[in-house]
Amino acid sequence: MRILITGGAGFIGSHLVERHLEHGDEVNVFDDFSTGRRENLRSVANHPNLTVQTGSVMDEAFTSIQIRECDLVYHLAAAVGVRLVIDDPIGTIERNICGTMSVLRAAAEFQKPVLITSTSEVYGKQTTAPFSEDDDLVLGSTSKPRWSYACSKAVDEFLVLAYCRKRRLKGIVARLFNVVGPRQRSEYGMVTPTLVRLALAEQPLVVFGEGTQTRCFLHVADAVDALTALAAEPRAYGQVFNVGGAEEISILDLARRIKRMTGSSASIHTLPYAEAYAPGFEDMDRRVPDCTRLNEMVGFAPRFNLDAILDSIIAYERSENERLASAIGIEVAEPK
């Protein structure tokens, strides 16, 4: 197949690229490299079936040409991370909504199947966990820019389902819950790589809020399993699916586990949200997915438990430290 992946140089996108190349598909990546990195595609950079182009889904003409030539679209291009959302709320809203509209118009015109990645953020301040796809969305006030990302992704979902009903689009929405793994960056507020890097550097592990907020983490390889299975299943068209892990853990306990698994002697501190982000910042107390619909549709169940997830991230970060140190001639101490 000819696969188009918008945002294919990003964290999840790059793993999706590798999976389809392994399956013998031709993969076309286009990315504006605002958060994606060519380095993420280092292992497949010279693959004969990979094309990488610099471009934005905001460019409708460019997007239309790319979609016309493919068999399947994964739309992953979007603003990512709480830090980026807080720092650039206008860009977040415009890229998420206008970019998705550009993709959907072309996919509908050329009748190409498209899988759109959404986020567990759309549940907002919903308190009835686990969250199922038909639950009400409870977003915070428009005076809180933190919720602009959730709102923009909810609009994306409305657009996909409207195009499915009115334009016969073969569209699927995947709501991702805290996908983590090798190559995820910490700059945009991603908690797991941030804590792992701090632990390995023997620097204090900083947990925002009181650390009682809970999350369920999903390894990126499991996420790719789910996305590729959904994209290959015509019965999934016109539906929304939660894609997430099963183990719930508080962020404070996550920090403790990372400290133990890395053998770090670093301390753990909490930092009020007002200092970490902005006064009045609001967060979700629990983020737990009900993945029954996904399981019933494609038989999905995560292969990685939390310890295995953290093992893979720690191993990756250690190897990156060694690679970078070697490049500049610094000897790295053996891990504890």
Protein backbone atom coordinates (compact mmCIF):
# COMPACT_ATOMS: atom_id res chain seq x y z
CA MET A 1 0.00 0.00 0.00
CA ARG A 2 0.93 3.65 -0.36
CA ILE A 3 0.72 5.14 3.12
CA LEU A 4 0.66 8.86 3.90
CA ILE A 5 1.54 9.90 7.46
CA THR A 6 1.20 13.55 8.39
CA GLY A 7 3.44 14.37 11.31
CA GLY A 8 5.40 11.24 10.46
CA ALA A 9 8.65 12.61 11.91
CA GLY A 10 7.08 12.93 15.34
CA PHE A 11 7.29 10.49 18.22
CA ILE A 12 4.33 8.25 17.38
CA GLY A 13 4.49 8.96 13.66
CA SER A 14 8.06 7.73 13.33
CA HIS A 15 7.19 4.40 14.96
CA LEU A 16 4.21 4.08 12.62
CA VAL A 17 6.51 4.74 9.67
CA GLU A 18 8.83 1.93 10.75
CA ARG A 19 5.94 -0.50 11.15
CA HIS A 20 4.57 0.07 7.64
CA LEU A 21 8.01 -0.14 6.08
CA GLU A 22 8.50 -3.47 7.85
CA HIS A 23 5.28 -4.63 6.21
CA GLY A 24 6.58 -3.70 2.76
CA ASP A 25 4.44 -0.60 2.22
CA GLU A 26 5.52 2.61 0.52
CA VAL A 27 5.45 5.41 3.08
CA ASN A 28 5.22 9.13 2.37
CA VAL A 29 5.90 11.37 5.39
CA PHE A 30 5.19 15.02 5.42
CA ASP A 31 5.95 17.13 8.43
CA ASP A 32 6.58 20.81 9.11
CA PHE A 33 9.25 19.81 11.67
CA SER A 34 7.91 22.22 14.26
CA THR A 35 8.00 19.39 16.81
CA GLY A 36 8.97 16.41 14.63
CA ARG A 37 12.63 15.59 14.03
CA ARG A 38 14.44 13.95 11.13
CA GLU A 39 16.50 12.16 13.78
CA ASN A 40 13.38 10.16 14.70
CA LEU A 41 13.58 8.54 11.26
CA ARG A 42 17.32 7.85 11.51
CA SER A 43 16.94 4.05 11.44
CA VAL A 44 15.00 4.13 8.14
CA ALA A 45 16.44 7.28 6.55
CA ASN A 46 17.84 5.39 3.56
CA HIS A 47 14.93 2.99 3.09
CA PRO A 48 13.97 2.83 -0.61
CA ASN A 49 10.24 2.87 0.20
CA LEU A 50 10.36 6.03 2.33
CA THR A 51 9.81 9.57 1.11
CA VAL A 52 10.12 12.48 3.54
CA GLN A 53 8.85 15.93 2.58
CA THR A 54 8.78 19.21 4.45
CA GLY A 55 5.29 20.65 4.35
CA SER A 56 2.31 21.66 6.42
CA VAL A 57 -1.24 20.35 6.48
CA MET A 58 -2.22 24.02 6.62
CA ASP A 59 -1.25 24.15 2.93
CA GLU A 60 -4.39 22.73 1.33
CA ALA A 61 -2.98 22.45 -2.19
CA PHE A 62 0.09 20.55 -1.02
CA THR A 63 -1.98 18.32 1.26
CA SER A 64 -4.46 17.54 -1.52
CA ILE A 65 -1.68 16.39 -3.87
CA GLN A 66 -0.21 14.06 -1.23
CA ILE A 67 -3.57 12.51 -0.36
CA ARG A 68 -4.58 12.01 -3.99
CA GLU A 69 -1.54 9.75 -4.52
CA CYS A 70 -1.95 7.50 -1.46
CA ASP A 71 -4.13 4.55 -0.42
CA LEU A 72 -4.43 5.34 3.29
CA VAL A 73 -3.90 8.45 5.42
CA TYR A 74 -2.84 8.67 9.06
CA HIS A 75 -3.29 12.22 10.29
CA LEU A 76 -0.99 12.77 13.27
CA ALA A 77 0.18 16.32 12.58
CA ALA A 78 -0.91 18.48 15.53
CA ALA A 79 0.31 20.62 18.39
CA VAL A 80 1.58 18.36 21.18
CA GLY A 81 2.20 18.70 24.90
CA VAL A 82 0.79 20.87 27.65
CA ARG A 83 3.78 23.22 27.60
CA LEU A 84 3.34 24.01 23.90
CA VAL A 85 -0.41 24.51 24.35
CA ILE A 86 0.19 27.01 27.16
CA ASP A 87 2.92 28.85 25.26
CA ASP A 88 1.19 28.95 21.86
CA PRO A 89 -2.61 28.71 22.20
CA ILE A 90 -3.32 30.41 18.84
CA GLY A 91 -1.01 28.11 16.92
CA THR A 92 -2.46 25.10 18.74
CA ILE A 93 -6.03 25.90 17.73
CA GLU A 94 -5.19 26.85 14.16
CA ARG A 95 -2.96 23.84 13.44
CA ASN A 96 -5.33 21.35 15.00
CA ILE A 97 -8.58 22.55 13.46
CA CYS A 98 -7.48 24.08 10.14
CA GLY A 99 -4.95 21.31 9.49
CA THR A 100 -7.55 18.60 10.08
CA MET A 101 -10.06 20.39 7.83
CA SER A 102 -7.46 20.42 5.05
CA VAL A 103 -6.87 16.67 5.41
CA LEU A 104 -10.57 15.80 5.58
CA ARG A 105 -11.50 17.84 2.51
CA ALA A 106 -8.91 16.07 0.39
CA ALA A 107 -9.65 12.61 1.84
CA ALA A 108 -13.36 13.08 1.10
CA GLU A 109 -12.71 14.41 -2.42
CA PHE A 110 -10.50 11.45 -3.37
CA GLN A 111 -12.33 8.92 -1.17
CA LYS A 112 -9.24 7.87 0.76
CA PRO A 113 -9.55 6.15 4.16
CA VAL A 114 -8.20 8.34 6.96
CA LEU A 115 -7.40 7.68 10.61
CA ILE A 116 -7.28 10.80 12.77
CA THR A 117 -5.52 10.70 16.12
CA SER A 118 -7.32 12.53 18.91
CA THR A 119 -6.60 12.62 22.62
CA SER A 120 -7.91 11.68 26.05
CA GLU A 121 -7.76 15.42 26.78
CA VAL A 122 -11.19 15.76 25.14
CA TYR A 123 -12.77 14.27 28.27
CA GLY A 124 -11.71 17.42 30.09
CA LYS A 125 -12.76 17.50 33.73
CA GLN A 126 -14.92 14.40 33.45
CA THR A 127 -14.74 12.54 36.78
CA THR A 128 -16.53 9.27 35.99
CA ALA A 129 -13.70 6.89 35.16
CA PRO A 130 -13.02 4.76 33.24
CA PHE A 131 -13.93 6.98 30.29
CA SER A 132 -15.94 5.46 27.45
CA GLU A 133 -16.26 6.95 24.00
CA ASP A 134 -19.89 8.06 24.42
CA ASP A 135 -19.37 9.84 27.75
CA ASP A 136 -20.07 13.56 27.97
CA LEU A 137 -17.11 15.87 27.55
CA VAL A 138 -16.61 18.31 30.43
CA LEU A 139 -14.32 21.10 29.30
CA GLY A 140 -13.10 23.93 31.51
CA SER A 141 -13.63 27.64 31.06
CA THR A 142 -12.44 29.40 27.89
CA SER A 143 -10.46 31.68 30.21
CA LYS A 144 -8.16 28.69 30.86
CA PRO A 145 -5.94 28.26 27.76
CA ARG A 146 -5.09 24.76 28.98
CA TRP A 147 -8.45 23.56 27.58
CA SER A 148 -7.94 25.03 24.10
CA TYR A 149 -6.13 21.87 23.00
CA ALA A 150 -8.95 19.61 24.24
CA CYS A 151 -11.54 21.78 22.55
CA SER A 152 -9.65 21.87 19.24
CA LYS A 153 -9.31 18.09 19.18
CA ALA A 154 -13.00 17.67 20.05
CA VAL A 155 -13.82 19.88 17.04
CA ASP A 156 -11.57 17.61 14.95
CA GLU A 157 -13.67 14.64 16.05
CA PHE A 158 -16.92 16.42 15.19
CA LEU A 159 -15.49 17.20 11.76
CA VAL A 160 -14.45 13.60 11.08
CA LEU A 161 -17.85 12.21 12.04
CA ALA A 162 -19.67 14.91 10.06
CA TYR A 163 -17.62 14.09 6.96
CA CYS A 164 -18.40 10.39 7.49
CA ARG A 165 -22.13 11.12 7.58
CA LYS A 166 -22.36 13.78 4.90
CA ARG A 167 -19.48 13.02 2.51
CA ARG A 168 -19.20 9.25 2.98
CA LEU A 169 -15.69 9.62 4.30
CA LYS A 170 -14.03 6.42 5.49
CA GLY A 171 -12.85 8.04 8.70
CA ILE A 172 -11.74 6.70 12.08
CA VAL A 173 -10.93 8.58 15.29
CA ALA A 174 -8.40 7.15 17.77
CA ARG A 175 -8.36 8.84 21.20
CA LEU A 176 -4.86 8.24 22.53
CA PHE A 177 -4.19 7.98 26.27
CA ASN A 178 -0.67 8.88 27.42
CA VAL A 179 1.37 7.09 24.78
CA VAL A 180 5.03 6.84 25.84
CA GLY A 181 8.22 5.13 24.73
CA PRO A 182 11.59 5.63 23.04
CA ARG A 183 12.08 8.92 21.17
CA GLN A 184 9.46 10.87 23.11
CA ARG A 185 10.71 14.36 23.95
CA SER A 186 10.41 16.08 27.30
CA GLU A 187 10.46 19.69 26.12
CA TYR A 188 6.70 19.97 25.77
CA GLY A 189 5.74 18.74 29.23
CA MET A 190 5.81 14.97 28.65
CA VAL A 191 6.08 13.57 32.16
CA THR A 192 7.66 10.14 31.65
CA PRO A 193 10.74 11.06 29.59
CA THR A 194 11.22 14.12 31.80
CA LEU A 195 11.32 12.05 34.99
CA VAL A 196 13.56 9.37 33.45
CA ARG A 197 16.07 11.95 32.22
CA LEU A 198 16.14 13.70 35.58
CA ALA A 199 16.65 10.40 37.40
CA LEU A 200 19.52 9.36 35.13
CA ALA A 201 21.14 12.75 35.60
CA GLU A 202 20.77 12.47 39.39
CA GLN A 203 18.75 15.68 39.39
CA PRO A 204 15.62 16.21 41.54
CA LEU A 205 12.48 14.63 40.08
CA VAL A 206 9.86 17.37 39.95
CA VAL A 207 6.20 16.32 40.08
CA PHE A 208 3.59 18.95 39.30
CA GLY A 209 0.67 19.48 41.66
CA GLU A 210 0.46 17.11 44.59
CA GLY A 211 1.29 14.11 42.42
CA THR A 212 -1.99 12.36 43.22
CA GLN A 213 -3.29 12.68 39.66
CA THR A 214 -3.40 9.26 37.98
CA ARG A 215 -2.71 8.14 34.42
CA CYS A 216 -2.60 4.94 32.37
CA PHE A 217 0.45 4.71 30.11
CA LEU A 218 0.60 2.88 26.78
CA HIS A 219 3.79 1.83 25.03
CA VAL A 220 4.14 3.34 21.57
CA ALA A 221 4.52 -0.13 20.02
CA ASP A 222 1.13 -1.08 21.46
CA ALA A 223 -0.34 2.18 20.17
CA VAL A 224 0.96 1.39 16.69
CA ASP A 225 -0.59 -2.10 16.93
CA ALA A 226 -3.95 -0.49 17.66
CA LEU A 227 -3.71 2.19 14.97
CA THR A 228 -2.70 -0.20 12.20
CA ALA A 229 -5.38 -2.70 13.21
CA LEU A 230 -8.08 -0.02 13.17
CA ALA A 231 -6.91 1.40 9.85
CA ALA A 232 -7.23 -2.07 8.28
CA GLU A 233 -10.76 -2.65 9.63
CA PRO A 234 -13.60 -1.22 7.48
CA ARG A 235 -16.09 -1.81 10.31
CA ALA A 236 -14.26 0.91 12.26
CA TYR A 237 -15.26 3.66 9.81
CA GLY A 238 -17.36 6.38 11.38
CA GLN A 239 -16.42 5.46 14.96
CA VAL A 240 -14.33 6.77 17.85
CA PHE A 241 -12.01 4.45 19.80
CA ASN A 242 -10.15 4.87 23.06
CA VAL A 243 -6.56 3.62 22.74
CA GLY A 244 -4.81 3.29 26.09
CA GLY A 245 -3.20 1.20 28.76
CA ALA A 246 -4.72 -0.69 31.68
CA GLU A 247 -2.47 0.10 34.68
CA GLU A 248 -3.45 3.22 36.63
CA ILE A 249 -0.70 4.93 38.62
CA SER A 250 -0.29 8.30 40.34
CA ILE A 251 2.42 10.59 39.01
CA LEU A 252 4.11 10.60 42.41
CA ASP A 253 4.23 6.80 42.41
CA LEU A 254 5.48 6.91 38.83
CA ALA A 255 8.38 9.09 39.96
CA ARG A 256 9.13 6.67 42.82
CA ARG A 257 9.12 3.70 40.44
CA ILE A 258 11.39 5.46 37.95
CA LYS A 259 13.79 6.35 40.76
CA ARG A 260 13.89 2.73 41.88
CA MET A 261 14.27 1.28 38.39
CA THR A 262 17.10 3.66 37.45
CA GLY A 263 18.89 3.23 40.77
CA SER A 264 18.89 7.00 41.12
CA SER A 265 19.58 8.72 44.41
CA ALA A 266 17.81 11.88 43.27
CA SER A 267 15.16 13.41 45.51
CA ILE A 268 11.50 13.86 44.54
CA HIS A 269 9.82 17.24 44.90
CA THR A 270 6.34 18.56 44.12
CA LEU A 271 5.77 21.88 42.38
CA PRO A 272 2.42 23.73 42.40
CA TYR A 273 0.75 23.99 39.00
CA ALA A 274 0.72 27.79 39.32
CA GLU A 275 4.52 27.77 39.36
CA ALA A 276 4.95 25.03 36.77
CA TYR A 277 2.56 26.53 34.20
CA ALA A 278 0.38 29.50 35.14
CA PRO A 279 -1.94 30.71 37.91
CA GLY A 280 -5.29 28.93 37.74
CA PHE A 281 -3.96 25.97 35.74
CA GLU A 282 -6.35 23.00 35.87
CA ASP A 283 -5.56 19.33 35.39
CA MET A 284 -7.43 16.04 35.18
CA ASP A 285 -7.42 14.05 38.43
CA ARG A 286 -7.84 10.70 36.67
CA ARG A 287 -7.38 9.62 33.08
CA VAL A 288 -8.43 6.00 32.71
CA PRO A 289 -9.69 4.54 29.40
CA ASP A 290 -12.39 1.99 28.78
CA CYS A 291 -11.00 0.16 25.73
CA THR A 292 -13.84 -2.35 25.39
CA ARG A 293 -14.86 -1.00 21.98
CA LEU A 294 -11.31 -1.28 20.67
CA ASN A 295 -10.92 -4.80 22.01
CA GLU A 296 -14.21 -5.93 20.49
CA MET A 297 -13.37 -4.38 17.13
CA VAL A 298 -9.79 -5.61 16.61
CA GLY A 299 -8.99 -7.80 19.64
CA PHE A 300 -6.50 -5.30 21.02
CA ALA A 301 -4.81 -5.73 24.40
CA PRO A 302 -1.51 -4.08 25.43
CA ARG A 303 1.58 -6.27 25.35
CA PHE A 304 3.71 -4.03 27.59
CA ASN A 305 3.00 -3.65 31.30
CA LEU A 306 4.22 -0.54 33.10
CA ASP A 307 7.55 -2.01 34.18
CA ALA A 308 8.28 -3.11 30.61
CA ILE A 309 7.32 0.35 29.35
CA LEU A 310 9.68 2.05 31.77
CA ASP A 311 12.46 -0.46 31.06
CA SER A 312 12.32 0.42 27.37
CA ILE A 313 12.39 4.17 28.02
CA ILE A 314 15.24 3.92 30.53
CA ALA A 315 17.28 1.74 28.15
CA TYR A 316 16.69 4.17 25.30
CA GLU A 317 17.66 7.22 27.34
CA ARG A 318 20.82 5.50 28.57
CA SER A 319 21.78 4.55 25.03
CA GLU A 320 21.17 8.13 23.87
CA ASN A 321 23.34 9.48 26.67
CA GLU A 322 26.11 7.09 25.65
CA ARG A 323 25.73 7.98 21.96
CA LEU A 324 25.88 11.71 22.61
CA ALA A 325 28.77 11.37 25.04
CA SER A 326 30.69 9.25 22.55
CA ALA A 327 30.14 11.86 19.86
CA ILE A 328 31.90 14.48 21.98
CA GLY A 329 34.44 12.14 23.59
CA ILE A 330 33.07 11.92 27.12
CA GLU A 331 33.18 8.67 29.06
CA VAL A 332 29.80 7.69 30.54
CA ALA A 333 29.73 6.04 33.96
CA GLU A 334 28.22 2.57 34.15
CA PRO A 335 24.53 2.65 35.22
CA LYS A 336 23.81 1.61 38.79
